[in-house]
C-alpha atoms as a PDB file:
ATOM      1  CA  MET A   1     -15.358  94.356  -0.839  1.00  0.00           C
ATOM      2  CA  PRO A   2     -14.565  98.102  -0.863  1.00  0.00           C
ATOM      3  CA  PRO A   3     -11.271  99.106  -2.503  1.00  0.00           C
ATOM      4  CA  TRP A   4      -9.900 100.734   0.683  1.00  0.00           C
ATOM      5  CA  LEU A   5     -10.279  97.422   2.539  1.00  0.00           C
ATOM      6  CA  LEU A   6      -8.733  95.350  -0.250  1.00  0.00           C
ATOM      7  CA  ILE A   7      -5.745  97.718  -0.417  1.00  0.00           C
ATOM      8  CA  LEU A   8      -5.387  97.602   3.383  1.00  0.00           C
ATOM      9  CA  ILE A   9      -5.513  93.797   3.426  1.00  0.00           C
ATOM     10  CA  THR A  10      -2.916  93.649   0.627  1.00  0.00           C
ATOM     11  CA  VAL A  11      -0.531  95.943   2.530  1.00  0.00           C
ATOM     12  CA  ALA A  12      -1.023  93.960   5.751  1.00  0.00           C
ATOM     13  CA  VAL A  13      -0.517  90.565   4.095  1.00  0.00           C
ATOM     14  CA  ILE A  14       2.625  91.653   2.246  1.00  0.00           C
ATOM     15  CA  THR A  15       4.024  93.216   5.407  1.00  0.00           C
ATOM     16  CA  LEU A  16       3.417  90.023   7.383  1.00  0.00           C
ATOM     17  CA  VAL A  17       4.565  87.568   4.708  1.00  0.00           C
ATOM     18  CA  VAL A  18       7.751  89.352   3.614  1.00  0.00           C
ATOM     19  CA  ASN A  19       9.184  89.501   7.110  1.00  0.00           C
ATOM     20  CA  PRO A  20      12.185  87.602   8.438  1.00  0.00           C
ATOM     21  CA  THR A  21      11.422  84.558  10.549  1.00  0.00           C
ATOM     22  CA  GLU A  22      12.071  84.895  14.262  1.00  0.00           C
ATOM     23  CA  ARG A  23      15.129  82.636  13.928  1.00  0.00           C
ATOM     24  CA  ASP A  24      16.618  84.797  11.176  1.00  0.00           C
ATOM     25  CA  TYR A  25      15.725  88.012  12.964  1.00  0.00           C
ATOM     26  CA  VAL A  26      17.522  86.801  16.117  1.00  0.00           C
ATOM     27  CA  TRP A  27      20.681  86.724  14.002  1.00  0.00           C
ATOM     28  CA  TYR A  28      20.025  90.273  12.801  1.00  0.00           C
ATOM     29  CA  ARG A  29      19.396  91.578  16.321  1.00  0.00           C
ATOM     30  CA  SER A  30      22.661  90.030  17.517  1.00  0.00           C
ATOM     31  CA  LEU A  31      24.715  92.152  15.112  1.00  0.00           C
ATOM     32  CA  ARG A  32      26.531  95.294  16.163  1.00  0.00           C
ATOM     33  CA  ARG A  33      24.990  98.575  14.995  1.00  0.00           C
ATOM     34  CA  PRO A  34      26.402 102.049  14.479  1.00  0.00           C
ATOM     35  CA  ALA A  35      26.444 104.022  17.731  1.00  0.00           C
ATOM     36  CA  TRP A  36      24.369 106.849  16.224  1.00  0.00           C
ATOM     37  CA  ILE A  37      21.404 104.542  15.553  1.00  0.00           C
ATOM     38  CA  SER A  38      21.660 101.875  18.256  1.00  0.00           C
ATOM     39  CA  ARG A  39      19.389 103.318  20.900  1.00  0.00           C
ATOM     40  CA  GLN A  40      17.078 105.615  18.965  1.00  0.00           C
ATOM     41  CA  ALA A  41      13.474 104.987  20.015  1.00  0.00           C
ATOM     42  CA  TRP A  42      12.053 106.634  16.882  1.00  0.00           C
ATOM     43  CA  VAL A  43      13.585 103.947  14.616  1.00  0.00           C
ATOM     44  CA  ALA A  44      10.856 101.505  15.686  1.00  0.00           C
ATOM     45  CA  LEU A  45       8.253 103.924  14.291  1.00  0.00           C
ATOM     46  CA  VAL A  46       9.773 104.243  10.821  1.00  0.00           C
ATOM     47  CA  TRP A  47       8.337 101.145   9.110  1.00  0.00           C
ATOM     48  CA  PRO A  48       4.821 101.543  10.542  1.00  0.00           C
ATOM     49  CA  LEU A  49       4.916 105.158   9.297  1.00  0.00           C
ATOM     50  CA  ILE A  50       6.121 103.978   5.895  1.00  0.00           C
ATOM     51  CA  SER A  51       3.354 101.345   5.734  1.00  0.00           C
ATOM     52  CA  VAL A  52       0.684 103.913   6.594  1.00  0.00           C
ATOM     53  CA  GLY A  53       2.090 106.355   4.024  1.00  0.00           C
ATOM     54  CA  PHE A  54       2.288 103.635   1.409  1.00  0.00           C
ATOM     55  CA  TYR A  55      -1.304 102.585   2.086  1.00  0.00           C
ATOM     56  CA  GLY A  56      -2.429 106.226   1.954  1.00  0.00           C
ATOM     57  CA  SER A  57      -0.598 106.752  -1.326  1.00  0.00           C
ATOM     58  CA  ALA A  58      -2.144 103.672  -2.947  1.00  0.00           C
ATOM     59  CA  LEU A  59      -5.602 104.665  -1.712  1.00  0.00           C
ATOM     60  CA  ALA A  60      -5.229 108.308  -2.828  1.00  0.00           C
ATOM     61  CA  PHE A  61      -4.127 107.193  -6.269  1.00  0.00           C
ATOM     62  CA  TRP A  62      -6.964 104.644  -6.454  1.00  0.00           C
ATOM     63  CA  GLN A  63      -9.492 107.375  -5.691  1.00  0.00           C
ATOM     64  CA  THR A  64      -8.083 109.417  -8.572  1.00  0.00           C
ATOM     65  CA  ALA A  65      -7.377 106.755 -11.204  1.00  0.00           C
ATOM     66  CA  ALA A  66      -9.435 103.724 -10.057  1.00  0.00           C
ATOM     67  CA  SER A  67      -6.959 101.374 -11.717  1.00  0.00           C
ATOM     68  CA  TRP A  68      -6.297  97.926 -10.272  1.00  0.00           C
ATOM     69  CA  GLY A  69      -3.182  97.748 -12.445  1.00  0.00           C
ATOM     70  CA  TRP A  70      -1.645 100.589 -10.463  1.00  0.00           C
ATOM     71  CA  VAL A  71      -2.698  99.001  -7.191  1.00  0.00           C
ATOM     72  CA  ALA A  72      -0.848  95.872  -8.364  1.00  0.00           C
ATOM     73  CA  ALA A  73       2.203  98.049  -9.111  1.00  0.00           C
ATOM     74  CA  TYR A  74       2.023  99.378  -5.552  1.00  0.00           C
ATOM     75  CA  ALA A  75       1.831  95.792  -4.243  1.00  0.00           C
ATOM     76  CA  VAL A  76       4.881  94.704  -6.256  1.00  0.00           C
ATOM     77  CA  LEU A  77       6.790  97.742  -5.028  1.00  0.00           C
ATOM     78  CA  LEU A  78       5.833  96.989  -1.428  1.00  0.00           C
ATOM     79  CA  VAL A  79       7.200  93.452  -1.813  1.00  0.00           C
ATOM     80  CA  LEU A  80      10.392  94.934  -3.224  1.00  0.00           C
ATOM     81  CA  LEU A  81      10.611  97.404  -0.318  1.00  0.00           C
ATOM     82  CA  ARG A  82      10.258  94.645   2.273  1.00  0.00           C
ATOM     83  CA  CYS A  83      12.699  92.221   0.587  1.00  0.00           C
ATOM     84  CA  PRO A  84      16.116  93.721   1.471  1.00  0.00           C
ATOM     85  CA  ARG A  85      15.865  93.057   5.213  1.00  0.00           C
ATOM     86  CA  TRP A  86      14.179  89.697   4.611  1.00  0.00           C
ATOM     87  CA  LEU A  87      16.911  88.610   2.187  1.00  0.00           C
ATOM     88  CA  SER A  88      19.728  89.843   4.436  1.00  0.00           C
ATOM     89  CA  CYS A  89      18.271  87.997   7.422  1.00  0.00           C
ATOM     90  CA  ARG A  90      17.471  84.862   5.439  1.00  0.00           C
ATOM     91  CA  LEU A  91      20.982  84.599   3.965  1.00  0.00           C
ATOM     92  CA  HIS A  92      22.685  85.958   7.107  1.00  0.00           C
ATOM     93  CA  ASN A  93      24.464  88.403   4.829  1.00  0.00           C
ATOM     94  CA  LEU A  94      23.960  92.150   5.272  1.00  0.00           C
ATOM     95  CA  SER A  95      25.293  92.921   1.798  1.00  0.00           C
ATOM     96  CA  ALA A  96      22.653  90.765   0.101  1.00  0.00           C
ATOM     97  CA  GLY A  97      19.942  93.418   0.482  1.00  0.00           C
ATOM     98  CA  LEU A  98      21.963  96.395  -0.771  1.00  0.00           C
ATOM     99  CA  PRO A  99      21.113  96.041  -4.499  1.00  0.00           C
ATOM    100  CA  LEU A 100      17.431  95.680  -3.569  1.00  0.00           C
ATOM    101  CA  TRP A 101      17.554  98.885  -1.501  1.00  0.00           C
ATOM    102  CA  LEU A 102      18.853 100.748  -4.545  1.00  0.00           C
ATOM    103  CA  LEU A 103      16.283  99.144  -6.848  1.00  0.00           C
ATOM    104  CA  SER A 104      13.371  99.756  -4.464  1.00  0.00           C
ATOM    105  CA  TRP A 105      14.400 103.394  -3.931  1.00  0.00           C
ATOM    106  CA  THR A 106      14.617 103.927  -7.696  1.00  0.00           C
ATOM    107  CA  MET A 107      11.260 102.261  -8.323  1.00  0.00           C
ATOM    108  CA  THR A 108       9.626 104.307  -5.539  1.00  0.00           C
ATOM    109  CA  LEU A 109      10.968 107.499  -7.105  1.00  0.00           C
ATOM    110  CA  VAL A 110       9.651 106.444 -10.528  1.00  0.00           C
ATOM    111  CA  LEU A 111       6.237 105.614  -9.055  1.00  0.00           C
ATOM    112  CA  ALA A 112       6.107 108.935  -7.178  1.00  0.00           C
ATOM    113  CA  LEU A 113       6.876 110.810 -10.402  1.00  0.00           C
ATOM    114  CA  ILE A 114       4.302 108.820 -12.390  1.00  0.00           C
ATOM    115  CA  VAL A 115       1.435 109.319  -9.917  1.00  0.00           C
ATOM    116  CA  ARG A 116       2.231 112.992  -9.196  1.00  0.00           C
ATOM    117  CA  PRO A 117       0.225 114.484 -12.093  1.00  0.00           C
ATOM    118  CA  ALA A 118      -2.900 112.506 -11.189  1.00  0.00           C
ATOM    119  CA  SER A 119      -2.560 112.707  -7.403  1.00  0.00           C
ATOM    120  CA  PRO A 120       0.061 114.958  -5.784  1.00  0.00           C
ATOM    121  CA  LEU A 121      -1.017 113.603  -2.384  1.00  0.00           C
ATOM    122  CA  ALA A 122      -0.196 110.033  -3.470  1.00  0.00           C
ATOM    123  CA  SER A 123       3.231 111.230  -4.547  1.00  0.00           C
ATOM    124  CA  TRP A 124       3.915 113.101  -1.281  1.00  0.00           C
ATOM    125  CA  LEU A 125       2.883 110.086   0.797  1.00  0.00           C
ATOM    126  CA  LEU A 126       5.792 108.146  -0.745  1.00  0.00           C
ATOM    127  CA  LEU A 127       8.271 110.687   0.634  1.00  0.00           C
ATOM    128  CA  PRO A 128       8.960 108.762   3.892  1.00  0.00           C
ATOM    129  CA  VAL A 129      10.089 105.767   1.807  1.00  0.00           C
ATOM    130  CA  LEU A 130      12.367 107.935  -0.312  1.00  0.00           C
ATOM    131  CA  LEU A 131      13.900 109.510   2.789  1.00  0.00           C
ATOM    132  CA  TRP A 132      14.314 106.343   4.847  1.00  0.00           C
ATOM    133  CA  LEU A 133      15.729 103.855   2.303  1.00  0.00           C
ATOM    134  CA  PRO A 134      19.084 105.664   1.913  1.00  0.00           C
ATOM    135  CA  VAL A 135      19.366 105.861   5.709  1.00  0.00           C
ATOM    136  CA  GLU A 136      18.606 102.162   6.055  1.00  0.00           C
ATOM    137  CA  ALA A 137      21.136 101.305   3.341  1.00  0.00           C
ATOM    138  CA  ALA A 138      23.773 103.458   5.086  1.00  0.00           C
ATOM    139  CA  ILE A 139      23.046 101.661   8.363  1.00  0.00           C
ATOM    140  CA  ALA A 140      23.444  98.296   6.612  1.00  0.00           C
ATOM    141  CA  LEU A 141      26.756  99.372   5.054  1.00  0.00           C
ATOM    142  CA  GLN A 142      28.076 100.490   8.431  1.00  0.00           C
ATOM    143  CA  MET A 143      26.870  97.247  10.007  1.00  0.00           C
ATOM    144  CA  VAL A 144      28.808  95.287   7.382  1.00  0.00           C
ATOM    145  CA  GLY A 145      31.971  97.006   8.590  1.00  0.00           C
ATOM    146  CA  LEU A 146      31.125  96.522  12.263  1.00  0.00           C
ATOM    147  CA  ASN A 147      30.382  92.828  11.864  1.00  0.00           C
ATOM    148  CA  ARG A 148      33.280  91.590   9.760  1.00  0.00           C
ATOM    149  CA  LYS A 149      34.709  88.207  10.674  1.00  0.00           C
ATOM    150  CA  GLU A 150      37.871  89.704  12.140  1.00  0.00           C
ATOM    151  CA  HIS A 151      35.699  91.651  14.585  1.00  0.00           C
ATOM    152  CA  ARG A 152      33.893  88.489  15.666  1.00  0.00           C
ATOM    153  CA  SER A 153      37.209  86.745  16.448  1.00  0.00           C
ATOM    154  CA  GLY A 154      37.701  89.029  19.432  1.00  0.00           C
ATOM    155  CA  ARG A 155      40.479  90.911  17.679  1.00  0.00           C
ATOM    156  CA  GLY A 156      39.672  94.501  16.873  1.00  0.00           C
ATOM    157  CA  PRO A 157      40.768  96.281  13.710  1.00  0.00           C
ATOM    158  CA  ASP A 158      43.547  98.089  15.633  1.00  0.00           C
ATOM    159  CA  ASP A 159      44.886  94.960  17.318  1.00  0.00           C
ATOM    160  CA  ARG A 160      48.571  94.725  16.284  1.00  0.00           C
ATOM    161  CA  ARG A 161      49.352  91.489  18.139  1.00  0.00           C
ATOM    162  CA  PRO A 162      50.456  88.653  15.879  1.00  0.00           C
ATOM    163  CA  ALA A 163      47.758  86.127  15.131  1.00  0.00           C
ATOM    164  CA  ARG A 164      48.068  82.838  16.970  1.00  0.00           C
ATOM    165  CA  SER A 165      49.141  79.981  14.812  1.00  0.00           C
ATOM    166  CA  ARG A 166      46.882  76.953  14.636  1.00  0.00           C
ATOM    167  CA  ARG A 167      49.854  74.687  13.986  1.00  0.00           C
ATOM    168  CA  LEU A 168      51.059  72.341  16.690  1.00  0.00           C
END
């Protein structure tokens, strides 16, 4: 099997396996989002672009270094990149993925710096990941605020009415 095909299959399998289930993703889609991101059509293109860039980076580095160890490092990093949304959806807790976003961004930066001397192209192809992860983490943080329990009770944060007592 040619290396380009094995790398492509690895990226595809990880992308499909480390995805929230439809049931968990329904929960995620039901949450309120920041107004600045809610209806942006380009957001749907971000992860396919990241996957293509990630695949291109792994392939470019393979062509330079021909090391399966580094391809494995790319695979582990891809799992780490896909885990924050999966974990948040699985646990129904937006905050659960935040530490993983920070870790995956840091590991992507380290990988980009390591591969840069051998393959500048491989390093540049990781740039979409480095640009998008902070945006995605900021969206998640804003969604945490928009979806607090007091917001789901029908009472807004500026509602000054006294809470109804549950006592009889």
